[in-house]
Amino acid sequence: MQERLPCKIDADLCDFWNRLYRVKRTPYERPAGTREFDALGHPHLSAGFHTILYACQFLKPETITLAGFDNVESGGFTWSITRGPKWDKYPDHRWDMEHDLIGDVEREFGVEVKFL
């Protein structure tokens, strides 16, 4: 049997950053092939971005190196490169906003975020 690891839920951390994210959103042209939430895009940060926040909050690293965060790095929808142009179930996350928030995360937590 696999050992279970303890899980920490920090609703305050997630709520703070999701509120900041929602304040920064402006209407945008939703890329084709995404499921639309509303004119502002998805109402919360992606699970991957929340993982960055948890790493910063609980592990307090000096540097985080991200692999597979192409959309956050580019600030755009680069998903079609790997999933193909006919993919139609992708949520309309605001990669442009998450890209902009990386600088805020670096300043808030004193961490350097690098992309592979």
PDB file of N, CA and C in Angstrom:
ATOM      1  N   MET A   1       0.846  -1.176   0.000  1.00  0.00           N
ATOM      2  CA  MET A   1       0.000   0.000   0.000  1.00  0.00           C
ATOM      3  C   MET A   1       0.897   1.247   0.000  1.00  0.00           C
ATOM      4  N   GLN A   2       0.500   2.229  -0.777  1.00  0.00           N
ATOM      5  CA  GLN A   2       1.271   3.464  -0.876  1.00  0.00           C
ATOM      6  C   GLN A   2       0.998   4.372   0.329  1.00  0.00           C
ATOM      7  N   GLU A   3       2.066   4.965   0.855  1.00  0.00           N
ATOM      8  CA  GLU A   3       1.920   5.872   1.988  1.00  0.00           C
ATOM      9  C   GLU A   3       1.235   7.156   1.537  1.00  0.00           C
ATOM     10  N   ARG A   4       0.321   7.643   2.336  1.00  0.00           N
ATOM     11  CA  ARG A   4      -0.365   8.896   2.027  1.00  0.00           C
ATOM     12  C   ARG A   4       0.414  10.056   2.617  1.00  0.00           C
ATOM     13  N   LEU A   5       0.577  11.085   1.825  1.00  0.00           N
ATOM     14  CA  LEU A   5       1.269  12.276   2.288  1.00  0.00           C
ATOM     15  C   LEU A   5       0.255  13.278   2.825  1.00  0.00           C
ATOM     16  N   PRO A   6       0.651  14.047   3.820  1.00  0.00           N
ATOM     17  CA  PRO A   6      -0.287  15.051   4.343  1.00  0.00           C
ATOM     18  C   PRO A   6      -0.572  16.108   3.275  1.00  0.00           C
ATOM     19  N   CYS A   7      -1.762  16.638   3.318  1.00  0.00           N
ATOM     20  CA  CYS A   7      -2.188  17.644   2.347  1.00  0.00           C
ATOM     21  C   CYS A   7      -2.507  18.925   3.091  1.00  0.00           C
ATOM     22  N   LYS A   8      -2.023  20.046   2.551  1.00  0.00           N
ATOM     23  CA  LYS A   8      -2.335  21.341   3.139  1.00  0.00           C
ATOM     24  C   LYS A   8      -3.222  22.109   2.172  1.00  0.00           C
ATOM     25  N   ILE A   9      -4.292  22.648   2.679  1.00  0.00           N
ATOM     26  CA  ILE A   9      -5.173  23.504   1.896  1.00  0.00           C
ATOM     27  C   ILE A   9      -5.062  24.897   2.489  1.00  0.00           C
ATOM     28  N   ASP A  10      -4.710  25.844   1.667  1.00  0.00           N
ATOM     29  CA  ASP A  10      -4.598  27.226   2.134  1.00  0.00           C
ATOM     30  C   ASP A  10      -5.558  28.093   1.318  1.00  0.00           C
ATOM     31  N   ALA A  11      -6.811  28.108   1.766  1.00  0.00           N
ATOM     32  CA  ALA A  11      -7.847  28.858   1.051  1.00  0.00           C
ATOM     33  C   ALA A  11      -7.519  30.343   1.003  1.00  0.00           C
ATOM     34  N   ASP A  12      -6.926  30.881   2.056  1.00  0.00           N
ATOM     35  CA  ASP A  12      -6.588  32.312   2.068  1.00  0.00           C
ATOM     36  C   ASP A  12      -5.563  32.640   0.992  1.00  0.00           C
ATOM     37  N   LEU A  13      -4.561  31.795   0.825  1.00  0.00           N
ATOM     38  CA  LEU A  13      -3.549  32.001  -0.208  1.00  0.00           C
ATOM     39  C   LEU A  13      -4.199  31.995  -1.589  1.00  0.00           C
ATOM     40  N   CYS A  14      -5.012  30.993  -1.855  1.00  0.00           N
ATOM     41  CA  CYS A  14      -5.682  30.883  -3.160  1.00  0.00           C
ATOM     42  C   CYS A  14      -6.643  32.038  -3.382  1.00  0.00           C
ATOM     43  N   ASP A  15      -7.424  32.375  -2.373  1.00  0.00           N
ATOM     44  CA  ASP A  15      -8.386  33.473  -2.512  1.00  0.00           C
ATOM     45  C   ASP A  15      -7.691  34.793  -2.806  1.00  0.00           C
ATOM     46  N   PHE A  16      -6.587  35.074  -2.110  1.00  0.00           N
ATOM     47  CA  PHE A  16      -5.852  36.328  -2.327  1.00  0.00           C
ATOM     48  C   PHE A  16      -5.397  36.443  -3.780  1.00  0.00           C
ATOM     49  N   TRP A  17      -4.744  35.397  -4.282  1.00  0.00           N
ATOM     50  CA  TRP A  17      -4.200  35.461  -5.643  1.00  0.00           C
ATOM     51  C   TRP A  17      -5.296  35.386  -6.704  1.00  0.00           C
ATOM     52  N   ASN A  18      -6.370  34.640  -6.434  1.00  0.00           N
ATOM     53  CA  ASN A  18      -7.485  34.618  -7.386  1.00  0.00           C
ATOM     54  C   ASN A  18      -8.181  35.974  -7.461  1.00  0.00           C
ATOM     55  N   ARG A  19      -8.310  36.658  -6.328  1.00  0.00           N
ATOM     56  CA  ARG A  19      -8.900  38.004  -6.352  1.00  0.00           C
ATOM     57  C   ARG A  19      -8.014  38.964  -7.135  1.00  0.00           C
ATOM     58  N   LEU A  20      -6.710  38.923  -6.899  1.00  0.00           N
ATOM     59  CA  LEU A  20      -5.777  39.780  -7.632  1.00  0.00           C
ATOM     60  C   LEU A  20      -5.877  39.499  -9.131  1.00  0.00           C
ATOM     61  N   TYR A  21      -5.918  38.245  -9.488  1.00  0.00           N
ATOM     62  CA  TYR A  21      -6.058  37.830 -10.877  1.00  0.00           C
ATOM     63  C   TYR A  21      -7.350  38.389 -11.492  1.00  0.00           C
ATOM     64  N   ARG A  22      -8.465  38.248 -10.779  1.00  0.00           N
ATOM     65  CA  ARG A  22      -9.748  38.728 -11.316  1.00  0.00           C
ATOM     66  C   ARG A  22      -9.760  40.248 -11.488  1.00  0.00           C
ATOM     67  N   VAL A  23      -9.122  40.973 -10.595  1.00  0.00           N
ATOM     68  CA  VAL A  23      -9.055  42.430 -10.706  1.00  0.00           C
ATOM     69  C   VAL A  23      -8.264  42.842 -11.942  1.00  0.00           C
ATOM     70  N   LYS A  24      -7.227  42.086 -12.281  1.00  0.00           N
ATOM     71  CA  LYS A  24      -6.358  42.430 -13.409  1.00  0.00           C
ATOM     72  C   LYS A  24      -6.980  42.095 -14.768  1.00  0.00           C
ATOM     73  N   ARG A  25      -7.941  41.179 -14.805  1.00  0.00           N
ATOM     74  CA  ARG A  25      -8.507  40.764 -16.095  1.00  0.00           C
ATOM     75  C   ARG A  25      -9.262  41.899 -16.761  1.00  0.00           C
ATOM     76  N   THR A  26      -9.163  41.953 -18.060  1.00  0.00           N
ATOM     77  CA  THR A  26      -9.934  42.859 -18.891  1.00  0.00           C
ATOM     78  C   THR A  26     -10.559  42.019 -20.000  1.00  0.00           C
ATOM     79  N   PRO A  27     -11.607  42.515 -20.649  1.00  0.00           N
ATOM     80  CA  PRO A  27     -12.181  41.733 -21.760  1.00  0.00           C
ATOM     81  C   PRO A  27     -11.116  41.446 -22.816  1.00  0.00           C
ATOM     82  N   TYR A  28     -11.213  40.299 -23.422  1.00  0.00           N
ATOM     83  CA  TYR A  28     -10.246  39.900 -24.436  1.00  0.00           C
ATOM     84  C   TYR A  28     -10.921  39.049 -25.491  1.00  0.00           C
ATOM     85  N   GLU A  29     -10.224  38.854 -26.593  1.00  0.00           N
ATOM     86  CA  GLU A  29     -10.752  37.991 -27.642  1.00  0.00           C
ATOM     87  C   GLU A  29     -10.355  36.563 -27.332  1.00  0.00           C
ATOM     88  N   ARG A  30     -11.322  35.778 -27.058  1.00  0.00           N
ATOM     89  CA  ARG A  30     -11.092  34.390 -26.676  1.00  0.00           C
ATOM     90  C   ARG A  30     -10.563  33.603 -27.865  1.00  0.00           C
ATOM     91  N   PRO A  31      -9.461  32.880 -27.693  1.00  0.00           N
ATOM     92  CA  PRO A  31      -8.928  32.070 -28.789  1.00  0.00           C
ATOM     93  C   PRO A  31      -9.903  30.979 -29.212  1.00  0.00           C
ATOM     94  N   ALA A  32      -9.911  30.672 -30.481  1.00  0.00           N
ATOM     95  CA  ALA A  32     -10.763  29.600 -30.997  1.00  0.00           C
ATOM     96  C   ALA A  32     -10.391  28.290 -30.330  1.00  0.00           C
ATOM     97  N   GLY A  33     -11.386  27.454 -30.108  1.00  0.00           N
ATOM     98  CA  GLY A  33     -11.134  26.139 -29.547  1.00  0.00           C
ATOM     99  C   GLY A  33     -11.152  26.089 -28.034  1.00  0.00           C
ATOM    100  N   THR A  34     -11.508  27.192 -27.385  1.00  0.00           N
ATOM    101  CA  THR A  34     -11.572  27.168 -25.929  1.00  0.00           C
ATOM    102  C   THR A  34     -13.024  27.227 -25.493  1.00  0.00           C
ATOM    103  N   ARG A  35     -13.285  26.672 -24.326  1.00  0.00           N
ATOM    104  CA  ARG A  35     -14.611  26.793 -23.729  1.00  0.00           C
ATOM    105  C   ARG A  35     -14.668  28.147 -23.070  1.00  0.00           C
ATOM    106  N   GLU A  36     -15.660  28.919 -23.395  1.00  0.00           N
ATOM    107  CA  GLU A  36     -15.729  30.280 -22.859  1.00  0.00           C
ATOM    108  C   GLU A  36     -16.478  30.307 -21.539  1.00  0.00           C
ATOM    109  N   PHE A  37     -15.886  30.967 -20.553  1.00  0.00           N
ATOM    110  CA  PHE A  37     -16.582  31.186 -19.296  1.00  0.00           C
ATOM    111  C   PHE A  37     -17.372  32.482 -19.389  1.00  0.00           C
ATOM    112  N   ASP A  38     -16.685  33.592 -19.656  1.00  0.00           N
ATOM    113  CA  ASP A  38     -17.331  34.871 -19.916  1.00  0.00           C
ATOM    114  C   ASP A  38     -16.338  35.740 -20.679  1.00  0.00           C
ATOM    115  N   ALA A  39     -16.638  36.999 -20.870  1.00  0.00           N
ATOM    116  CA  ALA A  39     -15.781  37.885 -21.664  1.00  0.00           C
ATOM    117  C   ALA A  39     -14.429  38.150 -21.007  1.00  0.00           C
ATOM    118  N   LEU A  40     -14.291  37.785 -19.746  1.00  0.00           N
ATOM    119  CA  LEU A  40     -13.029  38.012 -19.043  1.00  0.00           C
ATOM    120  C   LEU A  40     -12.184  36.748 -18.939  1.00  0.00           C
ATOM    121  N   GLY A  41     -12.734  35.624 -19.360  1.00  0.00           N
ATOM    122  CA  GLY A  41     -11.994  34.373 -19.267  1.00  0.00           C
ATOM    123  C   GLY A  41     -12.244  33.657 -17.959  1.00  0.00           C
ATOM    124  N   HIS A  42     -11.529  32.598 -17.766  1.00  0.00           N
ATOM    125  CA  HIS A  42     -11.718  31.730 -16.597  1.00  0.00           C
ATOM    126  C   HIS A  42     -11.685  32.548 -15.303  1.00  0.00           C
ATOM    127  N   PRO A  43     -12.550  32.230 -14.323  1.00  0.00           N
ATOM    128  CA  PRO A  43     -12.647  33.049 -13.112  1.00  0.00           C
ATOM    129  C   PRO A  43     -11.569  32.795 -12.057  1.00  0.00           C
ATOM    130  N   HIS A  44     -10.694  31.832 -12.294  1.00  0.00           N
ATOM    131  CA  HIS A  44      -9.637  31.583 -11.307  1.00  0.00           C
ATOM    132  C   HIS A  44      -8.370  31.124 -12.008  1.00  0.00           C
ATOM    133  N   LEU A  45      -7.278  31.203 -11.300  1.00  0.00           N
ATOM    134  CA  LEU A  45      -5.985  30.778 -11.817  1.00  0.00           C
ATOM    135  C   LEU A  45      -5.984  29.274 -12.089  1.00  0.00           C
ATOM    136  N   SER A  46      -5.089  28.856 -12.947  1.00  0.00           N
ATOM    137  CA  SER A  46      -4.983  27.434 -13.277  1.00  0.00           C
ATOM    138  C   SER A  46      -4.416  26.637 -12.100  1.00  0.00           C
ATOM    139  N   ALA A  47      -4.625  25.344 -12.140  1.00  0.00           N
ATOM    140  CA  ALA A  47      -4.079  24.464 -11.095  1.00  0.00           C
ATOM    141  C   ALA A  47      -2.560  24.555 -11.061  1.00  0.00           C
ATOM    142  N   GLY A  48      -1.941  24.664 -12.221  1.00  0.00           N
ATOM    143  CA  GLY A  48      -0.484  24.791 -12.268  1.00  0.00           C
ATOM    144  C   GLY A  48       0.004  26.047 -11.577  1.00  0.00           C
ATOM    145  N   PHE A  49      -0.717  27.162 -11.758  1.00  0.00           N
ATOM    146  CA  PHE A  49      -0.306  28.398 -11.101  1.00  0.00           C
ATOM    147  C   PHE A  49      -0.487  28.288  -9.590  1.00  0.00           C
ATOM    148  N   HIS A  50      -1.564  27.634  -9.173  1.00  0.00           N
ATOM    149  CA  HIS A  50      -1.751  27.405  -7.737  1.00  0.00           C
ATOM    150  C   HIS A  50      -0.610  26.556  -7.167  1.00  0.00           C
ATOM    151  N   THR A  51      -0.104  25.629  -7.956  1.00  0.00           N
ATOM    152  CA  THR A  51       1.031  24.817  -7.513  1.00  0.00           C
ATOM    153  C   THR A  51       2.260  25.682  -7.278  1.00  0.00           C
ATOM    154  N   ILE A  52       2.485  26.655  -8.146  1.00  0.00           N
ATOM    155  CA  ILE A  52       3.596  27.598  -7.961  1.00  0.00           C
ATOM    156  C   ILE A  52       3.419  28.336  -6.632  1.00  0.00           C
ATOM    157  N   LEU A  53       2.206  28.799  -6.371  1.00  0.00           N
ATOM    158  CA  LEU A  53       1.930  29.529  -5.131  1.00  0.00           C
ATOM    159  C   LEU A  53       2.176  28.653  -3.903  1.00  0.00           C
ATOM    160  N   TYR A  54       1.724  27.402  -3.958  1.00  0.00           N
ATOM    161  CA  TYR A  54       1.929  26.491  -2.833  1.00  0.00           C
ATOM    162  C   TYR A  54       3.418  26.230  -2.617  1.00  0.00           C
ATOM    163  N   ALA A  55       4.159  26.048  -3.700  1.00  0.00           N
ATOM    164  CA  ALA A  55       5.600  25.823  -3.569  1.00  0.00           C
ATOM    165  C   ALA A  55       6.254  27.015  -2.882  1.00  0.00           C
ATOM    166  N   CYS A  56       5.875  28.218  -3.304  1.00  0.00           N
ATOM    167  CA  CYS A  56       6.456  29.426  -2.704  1.00  0.00           C
ATOM    168  C   CYS A  56       6.087  29.550  -1.230  1.00  0.00           C
ATOM    169  N   GLN A  57       4.829  29.326  -0.919  1.00  0.00           N
ATOM    170  CA  GLN A  57       4.336  29.507   0.445  1.00  0.00           C
ATOM    171  C   GLN A  57       4.912  28.480   1.420  1.00  0.00           C
ATOM    172  N   PHE A  58       4.977  27.231   1.001  1.00  0.00           N
ATOM    173  CA  PHE A  58       5.330  26.175   1.943  1.00  0.00           C
ATOM    174  C   PHE A  58       6.789  25.724   1.854  1.00  0.00           C
ATOM    175  N   LEU A  59       7.387  25.799   0.673  1.00  0.00           N
ATOM    176  CA  LEU A  59       8.767  25.339   0.521  1.00  0.00           C
ATOM    177  C   LEU A  59       9.785  26.477   0.578  1.00  0.00           C
ATOM    178  N   LYS A  60       9.321  27.683   0.270  1.00  0.00           N
ATOM    179  CA  LYS A  60      10.145  28.892   0.318  1.00  0.00           C
ATOM    180  C   LYS A  60      11.471  28.746  -0.440  1.00  0.00           C
ATOM    181  N   PRO A  61      11.404  28.340  -1.711  1.00  0.00           N
ATOM    182  CA  PRO A  61      12.634  28.173  -2.485  1.00  0.00           C
ATOM    183  C   PRO A  61      13.189  29.521  -2.933  1.00  0.00           C
ATOM    184  N   GLU A  62      14.453  29.531  -3.274  1.00  0.00           N
ATOM    185  CA  GLU A  62      15.049  30.726  -3.870  1.00  0.00           C
ATOM    186  C   GLU A  62      14.725  30.792  -5.356  1.00  0.00           C
ATOM    187  N   THR A  63      14.625  29.622  -5.983  1.00  0.00           N
ATOM    188  CA  THR A  63      14.346  29.525  -7.413  1.00  0.00           C
ATOM    189  C   THR A  63      13.338  28.418  -7.661  1.00  0.00           C
ATOM    190  N   ILE A  64      12.434  28.653  -8.596  1.00  0.00           N
ATOM    191  CA  ILE A  64      11.534  27.610  -9.085  1.00  0.00           C
ATOM    192  C   ILE A  64      11.792  27.493 -10.580  1.00  0.00           C
ATOM    193  N   THR A  65      12.068  26.285 -11.035  1.00  0.00           N
ATOM    194  CA  THR A  65      12.253  26.036 -12.463  1.00  0.00           C
ATOM    195  C   THR A  65      11.053  25.249 -12.951  1.00  0.00           C
ATOM    196  N   LEU A  66      10.358  25.815 -13.927  1.00  0.00           N
ATOM    197  CA  LEU A  66       9.110  25.237 -14.406  1.00  0.00           C
ATOM    198  C   LEU A  66       9.320  24.521 -15.732  1.00  0.00           C
ATOM    199  N   ALA A  67       8.800  23.335 -15.837  1.00  0.00           N
ATOM    200  CA  ALA A  67       8.778  22.578 -17.088  1.00  0.00           C
ATOM    201  C   ALA A  67       7.316  22.343 -17.439  1.00  0.00           C
ATOM    202  N   GLY A  68       6.958  22.578 -18.684  1.00  0.00           N
ATOM    203  CA  GLY A  68       5.586  22.330 -19.113  1.00  0.00           C
ATOM    204  C   GLY A  68       4.632  23.471 -18.831  1.00  0.00           C
ATOM    205  N   PHE A  69       5.143  24.656 -18.578  1.00  0.00           N
ATOM    206  CA  PHE A  69       4.303  25.830 -18.347  1.00  0.00           C
ATOM    207  C   PHE A  69       4.403  26.764 -19.561  1.00  0.00           C
ATOM    208  N   ASP A  70       4.321  26.185 -20.760  1.00  0.00           N
ATOM    209  CA  ASP A  70       4.517  26.957 -21.984  1.00  0.00           C
ATOM    210  C   ASP A  70       3.549  28.126 -22.105  1.00  0.00           C
ATOM    211  N   ASN A  71       2.293  27.910 -21.730  1.00  0.00           N
ATOM    212  CA  ASN A  71       1.302  28.976 -21.850  1.00  0.00           C
ATOM    213  C   ASN A  71       1.578  30.115 -20.890  1.00  0.00           C
ATOM    214  N   VAL A  72       1.975  29.794 -19.677  1.00  0.00           N
ATOM    215  CA  VAL A  72       2.291  30.831 -18.697  1.00  0.00           C
ATOM    216  C   VAL A  72       3.542  31.584 -19.148  1.00  0.00           C
ATOM    217  N   GLU A  73       4.520  30.858 -19.660  1.00  0.00           N
ATOM    218  CA  GLU A  73       5.743  31.518 -20.121  1.00  0.00           C
ATOM    219  C   GLU A  73       5.466  32.470 -21.289  1.00  0.00           C
ATOM    220  N   SER A  74       4.687  32.019 -22.256  1.00  0.00           N
ATOM    221  CA  SER A  74       4.438  32.834 -23.448  1.00  0.00           C
ATOM    222  C   SER A  74       3.374  33.896 -23.221  1.00  0.00           C
ATOM    223  N   GLY A  75       2.473  33.634 -22.272  1.00  0.00           N
ATOM    224  CA  GLY A  75       1.361  34.551 -22.079  1.00  0.00           C
ATOM    225  C   GLY A  75       0.291  34.401 -23.149  1.00  0.00           C
ATOM    226  N   GLY A  76       0.346  33.310 -23.901  1.00  0.00           N
ATOM    227  CA  GLY A  76      -0.624  33.084 -24.970  1.00  0.00           C
ATOM    228  C   GLY A  76      -1.027  31.628 -25.043  1.00  0.00           C
ATOM    229  N   PHE A  77      -1.924  31.325 -25.960  1.00  0.00           N
ATOM    230  CA  PHE A  77      -2.414  29.967 -26.124  1.00  0.00           C
ATOM    231  C   PHE A  77      -1.515  29.219 -27.095  1.00  0.00           C
ATOM    232  N   THR A  78      -0.531  28.531 -26.558  1.00  0.00           N
ATOM    233  CA  THR A  78       0.368  27.731 -27.384  1.00  0.00           C
ATOM    234  C   THR A  78      -0.022  26.257 -27.337  1.00  0.00           C
ATOM    235  N   TRP A  79      -1.193  25.975 -26.784  1.00  0.00           N
ATOM    236  CA  TRP A  79      -1.653  24.607 -26.603  1.00  0.00           C
ATOM    237  C   TRP A  79      -1.770  23.842 -27.907  1.00  0.00           C
ATOM    238  N   SER A  80      -2.098  24.506 -28.996  1.00  0.00           N
ATOM    239  CA  SER A  80      -2.347  23.790 -30.247  1.00  0.00           C
ATOM    240  C   SER A  80      -1.088  23.103 -30.770  1.00  0.00           C
ATOM    241  N   ILE A  81       0.074  23.557 -30.330  1.00  0.00           N
ATOM    242  CA  ILE A  81       1.316  22.937 -30.770  1.00  0.00           C
ATOM    243  C   ILE A  81       1.353  21.473 -30.330  1.00  0.00           C
ATOM    244  N   THR A  82       0.883  21.200 -29.145  1.00  0.00           N
ATOM    245  CA  THR A  82       0.943  19.834 -28.643  1.00  0.00           C
ATOM    246  C   THR A  82      -0.385  19.098 -28.744  1.00  0.00           C
ATOM    247  N   ARG A  83      -1.490  19.821 -28.726  1.00  0.00           N
ATOM    248  CA  ARG A  83      -2.797  19.149 -28.707  1.00  0.00           C
ATOM    249  C   ARG A  83      -3.519  19.206 -30.044  1.00  0.00           C
ATOM    250  N   GLY A  84      -3.020  20.005 -30.950  1.00  0.00           N
ATOM    251  CA  GLY A  84      -3.626  20.097 -32.265  1.00  0.00           C
ATOM    252  C   GLY A  84      -4.701  21.157 -32.338  1.00  0.00           C
ATOM    253  N   PRO A  85      -4.937  21.695 -33.513  1.00  0.00           N
ATOM    254  CA  PRO A  85      -5.882  22.806 -33.669  1.00  0.00           C
ATOM    255  C   PRO A  85      -7.340  22.419 -33.451  1.00  0.00           C
ATOM    256  N   LYS A  86      -7.667  21.136 -33.470  1.00  0.00           N
ATOM    257  CA  LYS A  86      -9.066  20.731 -33.315  1.00  0.00           C
ATOM    258  C   LYS A  86      -9.451  20.492 -31.860  1.00  0.00           C
ATOM    259  N   TRP A  87      -8.501  20.652 -30.937  1.00  0.00           N
ATOM    260  CA  TRP A  87      -8.805  20.474 -29.518  1.00  0.00           C
ATOM    261  C   TRP A  87      -9.845  21.505 -29.114  1.00  0.00           C
ATOM    262  N   ASP A  88     -10.976  21.058 -28.549  1.00  0.00           N
ATOM    263  CA  ASP A  88     -12.054  22.001 -28.250  1.00  0.00           C
ATOM    264  C   ASP A  88     -12.538  21.941 -26.808  1.00  0.00           C
ATOM    265  N   LYS A  89     -11.771  21.338 -25.926  1.00  0.00           N
ATOM    266  CA  LYS A  89     -12.202  21.227 -24.539  1.00  0.00           C
ATOM    267  C   LYS A  89     -11.264  21.955 -23.591  1.00  0.00           C
ATOM    268  N   TYR A  90     -10.488  22.879 -24.107  1.00  0.00           N
ATOM    269  CA  TYR A  90      -9.507  23.585 -23.301  1.00  0.00           C
ATOM    270  C   TYR A  90     -10.169  24.753 -22.580  1.00  0.00           C
ATOM    271  N   PRO A  91     -10.017  24.870 -21.267  1.00  0.00           N
ATOM    272  CA  PRO A  91     -10.628  26.008 -20.571  1.00  0.00           C
ATOM    273  C   PRO A  91      -9.961  27.317 -20.983  1.00  0.00           C
ATOM    274  N   ASP A  92     -10.711  28.389 -20.917  1.00  0.00           N
ATOM    275  CA  ASP A  92     -10.185  29.682 -21.366  1.00  0.00           C
ATOM    276  C   ASP A  92      -9.414  30.380 -20.253  1.00  0.00           C
ATOM    277  N   HIS A  93      -8.371  29.698 -19.778  1.00  0.00           N
ATOM    278  CA  HIS A  93      -7.505  30.326 -18.785  1.00  0.00           C
ATOM    279  C   HIS A  93      -6.850  31.550 -19.400  1.00  0.00           C
ATOM    280  N   ARG A  94      -6.600  32.533 -18.581  1.00  0.00           N
ATOM    281  CA  ARG A  94      -5.985  33.773 -19.044  1.00  0.00           C
ATOM    282  C   ARG A  94      -4.482  33.679 -18.869  1.00  0.00           C
ATOM    283  N   TRP A  95      -3.825  33.020 -19.818  1.00  0.00           N
ATOM    284  CA  TRP A  95      -2.379  32.849 -19.736  1.00  0.00           C
ATOM    285  C   TRP A  95      -1.662  34.192 -19.735  1.00  0.00           C
ATOM    286  N   ASP A  96      -2.239  35.184 -20.398  1.00  0.00           N
ATOM    287  CA  ASP A  96      -1.614  36.510 -20.389  1.00  0.00           C
ATOM    288  C   ASP A  96      -1.578  37.084 -18.979  1.00  0.00           C
ATOM    289  N   MET A  97      -2.645  36.882 -18.219  1.00  0.00           N
ATOM    290  CA  MET A  97      -2.698  37.376 -16.846  1.00  0.00           C
ATOM    291  C   MET A  97      -1.776  36.558 -15.940  1.00  0.00           C
ATOM    292  N   GLU A  98      -1.762  35.250 -16.128  1.00  0.00           N
ATOM    293  CA  GLU A  98      -0.865  34.419 -15.315  1.00  0.00           C
ATOM    294  C   GLU A  98       0.593  34.774 -15.609  1.00  0.00           C
ATOM    295  N   HIS A  99       0.902  35.032 -16.870  1.00  0.00           N
ATOM    296  CA  HIS A  99       2.259  35.461 -17.238  1.00  0.00           C
ATOM    297  C   HIS A  99       2.625  36.740 -16.483  1.00  0.00           C
ATOM    298  N   ASP A 100       1.720  37.703 -16.475  1.00  0.00           N
ATOM    299  CA  ASP A 100       1.975  38.970 -15.774  1.00  0.00           C
ATOM    300  C   ASP A 100       2.114  38.777 -14.264  1.00  0.00           C
ATOM    301  N   LEU A 101       1.371  37.840 -13.706  1.00  0.00           N
ATOM    302  CA  LEU A 101       1.409  37.612 -12.262  1.00  0.00           C
ATOM    303  C   LEU A 101       2.706  36.954 -11.789  1.00  0.00           C
ATOM    304  N   ILE A 102       3.456  36.332 -12.695  1.00  0.00           N
ATOM    305  CA  ILE A 102       4.724  35.707 -12.286  1.00  0.00           C
ATOM    306  C   ILE A 102       5.634  36.735 -11.616  1.00  0.00           C
ATOM    307  N   GLY A 103       5.704  37.943 -12.174  1.00  0.00           N
ATOM    308  CA  GLY A 103       6.520  38.994 -11.557  1.00  0.00           C
ATOM    309  C   GLY A 103       6.047  39.347 -10.163  1.00  0.00           C
ATOM    310  N   ASP A 104       4.736  39.364  -9.968  1.00  0.00           N
ATOM    311  CA  ASP A 104       4.178  39.639  -8.637  1.00  0.00           C
ATOM    312  C   ASP A 104       4.562  38.530  -7.655  1.00  0.00           C
ATOM    313  N   VAL A 105       4.514  37.293  -8.116  1.00  0.00           N
ATOM    314  CA  VAL A 105       4.894  36.157  -7.270  1.00  0.00           C
ATOM    315  C   VAL A 105       6.363  36.266  -6.880  1.00  0.00           C
ATOM    316  N   GLU A 106       7.207  36.604  -7.857  1.00  0.00           N
ATOM    317  CA  GLU A 106       8.633  36.728  -7.563  1.00  0.00           C
ATOM    318  C   GLU A 106       8.888  37.792  -6.494  1.00  0.00           C
ATOM    319  N   ARG A 107       8.217  38.915  -6.629  1.00  0.00           N
ATOM    320  CA  ARG A 107       8.404  39.993  -5.644  1.00  0.00           C
ATOM    321  C   ARG A 107       7.817  39.619  -4.285  1.00  0.00           C
ATOM    322  N   GLU A 108       6.642  39.061  -4.268  1.00  0.00           N
ATOM    323  CA  GLU A 108       5.964  38.726  -3.006  1.00  0.00           C
ATOM    324  C   GLU A 108       6.735  37.679  -2.202  1.00  0.00           C
ATOM    325  N   PHE A 109       7.255  36.669  -2.894  1.00  0.00           N
ATOM    326  CA  PHE A 109       7.879  35.548  -2.193  1.00  0.00           C
ATOM    327  C   PHE A 109       9.410  35.589  -2.242  1.00  0.00           C
ATOM    328  N   GLY A 110       9.985  36.566  -2.927  1.00  0.00           N
ATOM    329  CA  GLY A 110      11.439  36.641  -3.026  1.00  0.00           C
ATOM    330  C   GLY A 110      12.024  35.434  -3.736  1.00  0.00           C
ATOM    331  N   VAL A 111      11.349  34.992  -4.798  1.00  0.00           N
ATOM    332  CA  VAL A 111      11.755  33.810  -5.539  1.00  0.00           C
ATOM    333  C   VAL A 111      12.030  34.201  -6.990  1.00  0.00           C
ATOM    334  N   GLU A 112      12.919  33.477  -7.635  1.00  0.00           N
ATOM    335  CA  GLU A 112      13.126  33.645  -9.064  1.00  0.00           C
ATOM    336  C   GLU A 112      12.443  32.496  -9.775  1.00  0.00           C
ATOM    337  N   VAL A 113      11.580  32.816 -10.746  1.00  0.00           N
ATOM    338  CA  VAL A 113      10.890  31.798 -11.518  1.00  0.00           C
ATOM    339  C   VAL A 113      11.558  31.680 -12.872  1.00  0.00           C
ATOM    340  N   LYS A 114      12.015  30.470 -13.211  1.00  0.00           N
ATOM    341  CA  LYS A 114      12.671  30.201 -14.486  1.00  0.00           C
ATOM    342  C   LYS A 114      11.833  29.201 -15.263  1.00  0.00           C
ATOM    343  N   PHE A 115      11.881  29.312 -16.582  1.00  0.00           N
ATOM    344  CA  PHE A 115      11.188  28.366 -17.454  1.00  0.00           C
ATOM    345  C   PHE A 115      12.216  27.564 -18.242  1.00  0.00           C
ATOM    346  N   LEU A 116      11.977  26.256 -18.377  1.00  0.00           N
ATOM    347  CA  LEU A 116      12.850  25.411 -19.209  1.00  0.00           C
ATOM    348  C   LEU A 116      12.522  25.614 -20.666  1.00  0.00           C
TER     349      LEU A 116
END
